[in-house]
């Protein structure tokens, strides 16, 4: 039994909430950051992902191919 609605808990402290962030929003932000790093970094892991999932320079926001991993599809949604 919850005494306070989750929407109220996630409000800023000044508005009477606890200032907690919504985890869905945090997850989307981190996935977007990871996608940016894949596109702009020269690290071996990033180049491996680009080589595997973006071989013909297709756009990241194109629909996820059926043979892609769940992680890659999540990154493209981010």
Protein backbone atom coordinates (compact mmCIF):
# COMPACT_ATOMS: atom_id res chain seq x y z
CA UNK A 1 0.00 0.00 0.00
CA UNK A 2 1.45 3.33 -1.01
CA UNK A 3 0.61 6.47 0.87
CA UNK A 4 1.73 8.93 -1.81
CA UNK A 5 1.39 8.75 -5.58
CA UNK A 6 4.64 8.22 -7.49
CA UNK A 7 3.92 11.32 -9.57
CA UNK A 8 3.95 13.36 -6.35
CA UNK A 9 7.23 11.79 -5.18
CA UNK A 10 8.90 12.71 -8.48
CA UNK A 11 8.00 16.38 -8.15
CA UNK A 12 10.79 18.88 -7.34
CA UNK A 13 11.44 19.49 -3.67
CA UNK A 14 10.18 23.04 -3.96
CA UNK A 15 6.83 21.70 -5.12
CA UNK A 16 6.47 19.26 -2.23
CA UNK A 17 8.04 16.16 -3.80
CA UNK A 18 11.22 14.30 -2.95
CA UNK A 19 13.05 15.39 -6.08
CA UNK A 20 13.49 11.85 -7.45
CA UNK A 21 13.89 11.41 -11.18
CA UNK A 22 11.70 9.12 -13.24
CA UNK A 23 13.82 6.11 -14.15
CA UNK A 24 12.38 5.91 -17.66
CA UNK A 25 13.59 9.45 -18.35
CA UNK A 26 17.03 8.70 -16.89
CA UNK A 27 17.30 5.51 -18.94
CA UNK A 28 16.36 7.32 -22.17
CA UNK A 29 18.94 10.02 -21.47
CA UNK A 30 21.68 7.46 -20.84
CA UNK A 31 20.78 5.54 -24.01
CA UNK A 32 20.93 8.75 -26.03
CA UNK A 33 24.34 9.52 -24.53
CA UNK A 34 25.56 6.03 -25.39
CA UNK A 35 24.30 6.45 -28.96
CA UNK A 36 26.18 9.74 -29.27
CA UNK A 37 29.35 8.06 -28.00
CA UNK A 38 28.98 5.23 -30.52
CA UNK A 39 28.78 7.74 -33.35
CA UNK A 40 31.53 10.11 -32.23
CA UNK A 41 34.16 8.11 -30.34
CA UNK A 42 37.05 6.18 -31.82
CA UNK A 43 37.15 3.58 -29.02
CA UNK A 44 37.37 -0.05 -30.16
CA UNK A 45 33.94 -0.91 -28.76
CA UNK A 46 32.32 2.00 -30.61
CA UNK A 47 33.98 1.18 -33.91
CA UNK A 48 32.94 -2.46 -33.52
CA UNK A 49 29.31 -1.43 -33.03
CA UNK A 50 29.46 0.93 -36.01
CA UNK A 51 31.04 -1.76 -38.18
CA UNK A 52 28.46 -4.35 -37.13
CA UNK A 53 25.26 -2.28 -37.15
CA UNK A 54 26.04 0.69 -39.42
CA UNK A 55 28.07 -0.85 -42.26
CA UNK A 56 26.56 1.23 -45.06
CA UNK A 57 26.33 4.46 -43.08
CA UNK A 58 22.60 4.08 -42.62
CA UNK A 59 20.98 6.46 -40.19
CA UNK A 60 20.86 5.45 -36.55
CA UNK A 61 17.19 6.39 -36.29
CA UNK A 62 16.19 3.99 -39.09
CA UNK A 63 14.14 1.01 -37.88
CA UNK A 64 16.20 -1.58 -36.08
CA UNK A 65 17.08 -4.58 -38.30
CA UNK A 66 15.62 -7.91 -37.24
CA UNK A 67 19.05 -9.42 -36.57
CA UNK A 68 20.04 -6.63 -34.15
CA UNK A 69 20.54 -7.13 -30.45
CA UNK A 70 18.14 -5.77 -27.86
CA UNK A 71 20.87 -3.40 -26.68
CA UNK A 72 21.40 -1.90 -30.13
CA UNK A 73 17.66 -1.45 -30.65
CA UNK A 74 17.45 0.31 -27.26
CA UNK A 75 20.33 2.61 -28.21
CA UNK A 76 18.62 3.58 -31.47
CA UNK A 77 15.40 4.33 -29.59
CA UNK A 78 17.33 6.51 -27.14
